[in-house]
Amino acid sequence: MSKLLALDQSSKITGVAIFEDGKLCKYSKIDVDGELPYRLTEIRNRVKNIIVEENITEVAIEDI
């Protein structure tokens, strides 16, 4: 079983989607206010938590 975390990143709102065996099973967004260093740190921490909590095996990030 593979679990993919797909990220549509931004410094204010980052889109999150989780696919299990190719099927979308969850989606949400990470919405953070504050100064840029705080926002980036908070987004990183939330992504790390998602990876651990959801047992993510792969990550895909939108090319900008």
PDB file of N, CA and C in Angstrom:
ATOM      1  N   MET A   1       0.849  -1.181   0.000  1.00  0.00           N
ATOM      2  CA  MET A   1       0.000   0.000   0.000  1.00  0.00           C
ATOM      3  C   MET A   1       0.891   1.240   0.000  1.00  0.00           C
ATOM      4  N   SER A   2       0.665   2.131  -0.962  1.00  0.00           N
ATOM      5  CA  SER A   2       1.419   3.382  -1.000  1.00  0.00           C
ATOM      6  C   SER A   2       0.498   4.536  -0.629  1.00  0.00           C
ATOM      7  N   LYS A   3       1.071   5.493   0.074  1.00  0.00           N
ATOM      8  CA  LYS A   3       0.333   6.705   0.425  1.00  0.00           C
ATOM      9  C   LYS A   3       1.150   7.897  -0.042  1.00  0.00           C
ATOM     10  N   LEU A   4       0.531   8.692  -0.894  1.00  0.00           N
ATOM     11  CA  LEU A   4       1.187   9.845  -1.488  1.00  0.00           C
ATOM     12  C   LEU A   4       0.623  11.120  -0.888  1.00  0.00           C
ATOM     13  N   LEU A   5       1.502  12.007  -0.458  1.00  0.00           N
ATOM     14  CA  LEU A   5       1.128  13.339  -0.008  1.00  0.00           C
ATOM     15  C   LEU A   5       1.462  14.306  -1.130  1.00  0.00           C
ATOM     16  N   ALA A   6       0.448  14.982  -1.669  1.00  0.00           N
ATOM     17  CA  ALA A   6       0.647  15.969  -2.735  1.00  0.00           C
ATOM     18  C   ALA A   6       0.472  17.354  -2.139  1.00  0.00           C
ATOM     19  N   LEU A   7       1.418  18.246  -2.429  1.00  0.00           N
ATOM     20  CA  LEU A   7       1.400  19.600  -1.884  1.00  0.00           C
ATOM     21  C   LEU A   7       1.348  20.633  -2.998  1.00  0.00           C
ATOM     22  N   ASP A   8       0.445  21.574  -2.852  1.00  0.00           N
ATOM     23  CA  ASP A   8       0.358  22.750  -3.720  1.00  0.00           C
ATOM     24  C   ASP A   8       0.780  23.915  -2.829  1.00  0.00           C
ATOM     25  N   GLN A   9       2.083  24.174  -2.814  1.00  0.00           N
ATOM     26  CA  GLN A   9       2.648  25.044  -1.802  1.00  0.00           C
ATOM     27  C   GLN A   9       2.504  26.533  -2.095  1.00  0.00           C
ATOM     28  N   SER A  10       2.429  27.270  -1.007  1.00  0.00           N
ATOM     29  CA  SER A  10       2.405  28.724  -1.014  1.00  0.00           C
ATOM     30  C   SER A  10       2.883  29.152   0.360  1.00  0.00           C
ATOM     31  N   SER A  11       3.294  30.386   0.501  1.00  0.00           N
ATOM     32  CA  SER A  11       3.772  30.832   1.809  1.00  0.00           C
ATOM     33  C   SER A  11       2.628  31.241   2.742  1.00  0.00           C
ATOM     34  N   LYS A  12       1.395  31.258   2.253  1.00  0.00           N
ATOM     35  CA  LYS A  12       0.237  31.574   3.098  1.00  0.00           C
ATOM     36  C   LYS A  12      -0.725  30.406   3.217  1.00  0.00           C
ATOM     37  N   ILE A  13      -1.117  29.831   2.095  1.00  0.00           N
ATOM     38  CA  ILE A  13      -2.042  28.700   2.103  1.00  0.00           C
ATOM     39  C   ILE A  13      -1.443  27.589   1.238  1.00  0.00           C
ATOM     40  N   THR A  14      -1.268  26.425   1.829  1.00  0.00           N
ATOM     41  CA  THR A  14      -0.726  25.279   1.118  1.00  0.00           C
ATOM     42  C   THR A  14      -1.808  24.210   1.007  1.00  0.00           C
ATOM     43  N   GLY A  15      -2.076  23.771  -0.210  1.00  0.00           N
ATOM     44  CA  GLY A  15      -3.046  22.707  -0.433  1.00  0.00           C
ATOM     45  C   GLY A  15      -2.417  21.357  -0.164  1.00  0.00           C
ATOM     46  N   VAL A  16      -3.208  20.471   0.446  1.00  0.00           N
ATOM     47  CA  VAL A  16      -2.733  19.152   0.826  1.00  0.00           C
ATOM     48  C   VAL A  16      -3.723  18.106   0.308  1.00  0.00           C
ATOM     49  N   ALA A  17      -3.211  17.068  -0.334  1.00  0.00           N
ATOM     50  CA  ALA A  17      -4.050  15.951  -0.764  1.00  0.00           C
ATOM     51  C   ALA A  17      -3.313  14.653  -0.463  1.00  0.00           C
ATOM     52  N   ILE A  18      -4.058  13.660   0.000  1.00  0.00           N
ATOM     53  CA  ILE A  18      -3.477  12.354   0.298  1.00  0.00           C
ATOM     54  C   ILE A  18      -4.158  11.321  -0.591  1.00  0.00           C
ATOM     55  N   PHE A  19      -3.335  10.576  -1.300  1.00  0.00           N
ATOM     56  CA  PHE A  19      -3.810   9.521  -2.182  1.00  0.00           C
ATOM     57  C   PHE A  19      -3.340   8.178  -1.630  1.00  0.00           C
ATOM     58  N   GLU A  20      -4.245   7.227  -1.583  1.00  0.00           N
ATOM     59  CA  GLU A  20      -3.897   5.882  -1.158  1.00  0.00           C
ATOM     60  C   GLU A  20      -4.129   4.940  -2.329  1.00  0.00           C
ATOM     61  N   ASP A  21      -3.047   4.294  -2.768  1.00  0.00           N
ATOM     62  CA  ASP A  21      -3.093   3.416  -3.939  1.00  0.00           C
ATOM     63  C   ASP A  21      -3.740   4.117  -5.133  1.00  0.00           C
ATOM     64  N   GLY A  22      -3.382   5.389  -5.327  1.00  0.00           N
ATOM     65  CA  GLY A  22      -3.841   6.154  -6.479  1.00  0.00           C
ATOM     66  C   GLY A  22      -5.205   6.799  -6.337  1.00  0.00           C
ATOM     67  N   LYS A  23      -5.887   6.588  -5.221  1.00  0.00           N
ATOM     68  CA  LYS A  23      -7.215   7.163  -5.025  1.00  0.00           C
ATOM     69  C   LYS A  23      -7.174   8.253  -3.961  1.00  0.00           C
ATOM     70  N   LEU A  24      -7.812   9.378  -4.264  1.00  0.00           N
ATOM     71  CA  LEU A  24      -7.874  10.482  -3.312  1.00  0.00           C
ATOM     72  C   LEU A  24      -8.655  10.053  -2.082  1.00  0.00           C
ATOM     73  N   CYS A  25      -8.032  10.175  -0.904  1.00  0.00           N
ATOM     74  CA  CYS A  25      -8.749   9.791   0.315  1.00  0.00           C
ATOM     75  C   CYS A  25      -8.944  10.966   1.268  1.00  0.00           C
ATOM     76  N   LYS A  26      -8.114  12.000   1.180  1.00  0.00           N
ATOM     77  CA  LYS A  26      -8.267  13.177   2.039  1.00  0.00           C
ATOM     78  C   LYS A  26      -7.704  14.394   1.319  1.00  0.00           C
ATOM     79  N   TYR A  27      -8.260  15.552   1.634  1.00  0.00           N
ATOM     80  CA  TYR A  27      -7.681  16.801   1.154  1.00  0.00           C
ATOM     81  C   TYR A  27      -8.012  17.898   2.154  1.00  0.00           C
ATOM     82  N   SER A  28      -7.131  18.893   2.201  1.00  0.00           N
ATOM     83  CA  SER A  28      -7.317  20.014   3.117  1.00  0.00           C
ATOM     84  C   SER A  28      -6.354  21.122   2.713  1.00  0.00           C
ATOM     85  N   LYS A  29      -6.238  22.091   3.587  1.00  0.00           N
ATOM     86  CA  LYS A  29      -5.277  23.170   3.355  1.00  0.00           C
ATOM     87  C   LYS A  29      -4.619  23.536   4.674  1.00  0.00           C
ATOM     88  N   ILE A  30      -3.431  24.057   4.554  1.00  0.00           N
ATOM     89  CA  ILE A  30      -2.714  24.607   5.699  1.00  0.00           C
ATOM     90  C   ILE A  30      -2.731  26.112   5.505  1.00  0.00           C
ATOM     91  N   ASP A  31      -3.422  26.807   6.386  1.00  0.00           N
ATOM     92  CA  ASP A  31      -3.621  28.257   6.287  1.00  0.00           C
ATOM     93  C   ASP A  31      -2.959  28.906   7.493  1.00  0.00           C
ATOM     94  N   VAL A  32      -1.907  29.707   7.249  1.00  0.00           N
ATOM     95  CA  VAL A  32      -1.127  30.274   8.344  1.00  0.00           C
ATOM     96  C   VAL A  32      -0.987  31.779   8.157  1.00  0.00           C
ATOM     97  N   ASP A  33      -1.255  32.529   9.218  1.00  0.00           N
ATOM     98  CA  ASP A  33      -1.039  33.978   9.226  1.00  0.00           C
ATOM     99  C   ASP A  33       0.221  34.302  10.013  1.00  0.00           C
ATOM    100  N   GLY A  34       0.733  35.498   9.831  1.00  0.00           N
ATOM    101  CA  GLY A  34       1.907  35.941  10.575  1.00  0.00           C
ATOM    102  C   GLY A  34       3.041  36.292   9.633  1.00  0.00           C
ATOM    103  N   GLU A  35       4.179  36.572  10.221  1.00  0.00           N
ATOM    104  CA  GLU A  35       5.372  36.915   9.449  1.00  0.00           C
ATOM    105  C   GLU A  35       5.897  35.685   8.704  1.00  0.00           C
ATOM    106  N   LEU A  36       6.586  35.931   7.589  1.00  0.00           N
ATOM    107  CA  LEU A  36       7.058  34.859   6.722  1.00  0.00           C
ATOM    108  C   LEU A  36       7.846  33.770   7.454  1.00  0.00           C
ATOM    109  N   PRO A  37       8.833  34.097   8.283  1.00  0.00           N
ATOM    110  CA  PRO A  37       9.577  33.013   8.958  1.00  0.00           C
ATOM    111  C   PRO A  37       8.664  32.111   9.804  1.00  0.00           C
ATOM    112  N   TYR A  38       7.696  32.705  10.480  1.00  0.00           N
ATOM    113  CA  TYR A  38       6.753  31.927  11.276  1.00  0.00           C
ATOM    114  C   TYR A  38       5.904  31.040  10.377  1.00  0.00           C
ATOM    115  N   ARG A  39       5.381  31.598   9.284  1.00  0.00           N
ATOM    116  CA  ARG A  39       4.523  30.834   8.376  1.00  0.00           C
ATOM    117  C   ARG A  39       5.255  29.620   7.819  1.00  0.00           C
ATOM    118  N   LEU A  40       6.474  29.833   7.356  1.00  0.00           N
ATOM    119  CA  LEU A  40       7.241  28.734   6.775  1.00  0.00           C
ATOM    120  C   LEU A  40       7.544  27.648   7.799  1.00  0.00           C
ATOM    121  N   THR A  41       7.880  28.045   8.997  1.00  0.00           N
ATOM    122  CA  THR A  41       8.144  27.082  10.066  1.00  0.00           C
ATOM    123  C   THR A  41       6.885  26.298  10.409  1.00  0.00           C
ATOM    124  N   GLU A  42       5.765  26.978  10.505  1.00  0.00           N
ATOM    125  CA  GLU A  42       4.502  26.330  10.845  1.00  0.00           C
ATOM    126  C   GLU A  42       4.064  25.363   9.742  1.00  0.00           C
ATOM    127  N   ILE A  43       4.217  25.760   8.482  1.00  0.00           N
ATOM    128  CA  ILE A  43       3.878  24.869   7.370  1.00  0.00           C
ATOM    129  C   ILE A  43       4.761  23.623   7.416  1.00  0.00           C
ATOM    130  N   ARG A  44       6.047  23.809   7.623  1.00  0.00           N
ATOM    131  CA  ARG A  44       6.968  22.664   7.720  1.00  0.00           C
ATOM    132  C   ARG A  44       6.544  21.724   8.843  1.00  0.00           C
ATOM    133  N   ASN A  45       6.225  22.274  10.006  1.00  0.00           N
ATOM    134  CA  ASN A  45       5.833  21.439  11.139  1.00  0.00           C
ATOM    135  C   ASN A  45       4.543  20.668  10.858  1.00  0.00           C
ATOM    136  N   ARG A  46       3.585  21.314  10.233  1.00  0.00           N
ATOM    137  CA  ARG A  46       2.316  20.638   9.936  1.00  0.00           C
ATOM    138  C   ARG A  46       2.494  19.552   8.883  1.00  0.00           C
ATOM    139  N   VAL A  47       3.341  19.808   7.887  1.00  0.00           N
ATOM    140  CA  VAL A  47       3.609  18.785   6.866  1.00  0.00           C
ATOM    141  C   VAL A  47       4.305  17.588   7.505  1.00  0.00           C
ATOM    142  N   LYS A  48       5.273  17.845   8.379  1.00  0.00           N
ATOM    143  CA  LYS A  48       5.954  16.752   9.074  1.00  0.00           C
ATOM    144  C   LYS A  48       4.959  15.920   9.871  1.00  0.00           C
ATOM    145  N   ASN A  49       4.025  16.573  10.557  1.00  0.00           N
ATOM    146  CA  ASN A  49       3.009  15.861  11.338  1.00  0.00           C
ATOM    147  C   ASN A  49       2.119  15.003  10.447  1.00  0.00           C
ATOM    148  N   ILE A  50       1.722  15.540   9.300  1.00  0.00           N
ATOM    149  CA  ILE A  50       0.896  14.776   8.363  1.00  0.00           C
ATOM    150  C   ILE A  50       1.647  13.532   7.894  1.00  0.00           C
ATOM    151  N   ILE A  51       2.914  13.678   7.564  1.00  0.00           N
ATOM    152  CA  ILE A  51       3.722  12.551   7.096  1.00  0.00           C
ATOM    153  C   ILE A  51       3.757  11.441   8.138  1.00  0.00           C
ATOM    154  N   VAL A  52       3.957  11.809   9.386  1.00  0.00           N
ATOM    155  CA  VAL A  52       4.032  10.815  10.459  1.00  0.00           C
ATOM    156  C   VAL A  52       2.659  10.216  10.755  1.00  0.00           C
ATOM    157  N   GLU A  53       1.657  11.057  10.947  1.00  0.00           N
ATOM    158  CA  GLU A  53       0.322  10.590  11.332  1.00  0.00           C
ATOM    159  C   GLU A  53      -0.339   9.733  10.256  1.00  0.00           C
ATOM    160  N   GLU A  54      -0.103  10.049   8.993  1.00  0.00           N
ATOM    161  CA  GLU A  54      -0.754   9.337   7.888  1.00  0.00           C
ATOM    162  C   GLU A  54       0.105   8.233   7.289  1.00  0.00           C
ATOM    163  N   ASN A  55       1.308   8.020   7.845  1.00  0.00           N
ATOM    164  CA  ASN A  55       2.230   7.002   7.323  1.00  0.00           C
ATOM    165  C   ASN A  55       2.482   7.187   5.820  1.00  0.00           C
ATOM    166  N   ILE A  56       2.838   8.406   5.444  1.00  0.00           N
ATOM    167  CA  ILE A  56       3.083   8.761   4.047  1.00  0.00           C
ATOM    168  C   ILE A  56       4.352   8.058   3.550  1.00  0.00           C
ATOM    169  N   THR A  57       4.276   7.494   2.332  1.00  0.00           N
ATOM    170  CA  THR A  57       5.441   6.816   1.753  1.00  0.00           C
ATOM    171  C   THR A  57       6.084   7.626   0.636  1.00  0.00           C
ATOM    172  N   GLU A  58       5.335   8.565   0.058  1.00  0.00           N
ATOM    173  CA  GLU A  58       5.853   9.399  -1.034  1.00  0.00           C
ATOM    174  C   GLU A  58       5.302  10.819  -0.912  1.00  0.00           C
ATOM    175  N   VAL A  59       6.072  11.785  -1.392  1.00  0.00           N
ATOM    176  CA  VAL A  59       5.628  13.179  -1.395  1.00  0.00           C
ATOM    177  C   VAL A  59       5.833  13.758  -2.790  1.00  0.00           C
ATOM    178  N   ALA A  60       4.823  14.481  -3.293  1.00  0.00           N
ATOM    179  CA  ALA A  60       4.925  15.173  -4.568  1.00  0.00           C
ATOM    180  C   ALA A  60       4.639  16.648  -4.324  1.00  0.00           C
ATOM    181  N   ILE A  61       5.456  17.505  -4.926  1.00  0.00           N
ATOM    182  CA  ILE A  61       5.319  18.950  -4.750  1.00  0.00           C
ATOM    183  C   ILE A  61       5.128  19.589  -6.125  1.00  0.00           C
ATOM    184  N   GLU A  62       4.180  20.508  -6.197  1.00  0.00           N
ATOM    185  CA  GLU A  62       3.913  21.213  -7.444  1.00  0.00           C
ATOM    186  C   GLU A  62       5.156  21.967  -7.897  1.00  0.00           C
ATOM    187  N   ASP A  63       5.467  21.893  -9.171  1.00  0.00           N
ATOM    188  CA  ASP A  63       6.578  22.636  -9.747  1.00  0.00           C
ATOM    189  C   ASP A  63       6.127  24.076  -9.954  1.00  0.00           C
ATOM    190  N   ILE A  64       6.935  25.029  -9.480  1.00  0.00           N
ATOM    191  CA  ILE A  64       6.564  26.432  -9.645  1.00  0.00           C
ATOM    192  C   ILE A  64       7.462  27.123 -10.641  1.00  0.00           C
TER     193      ILE A  64
END
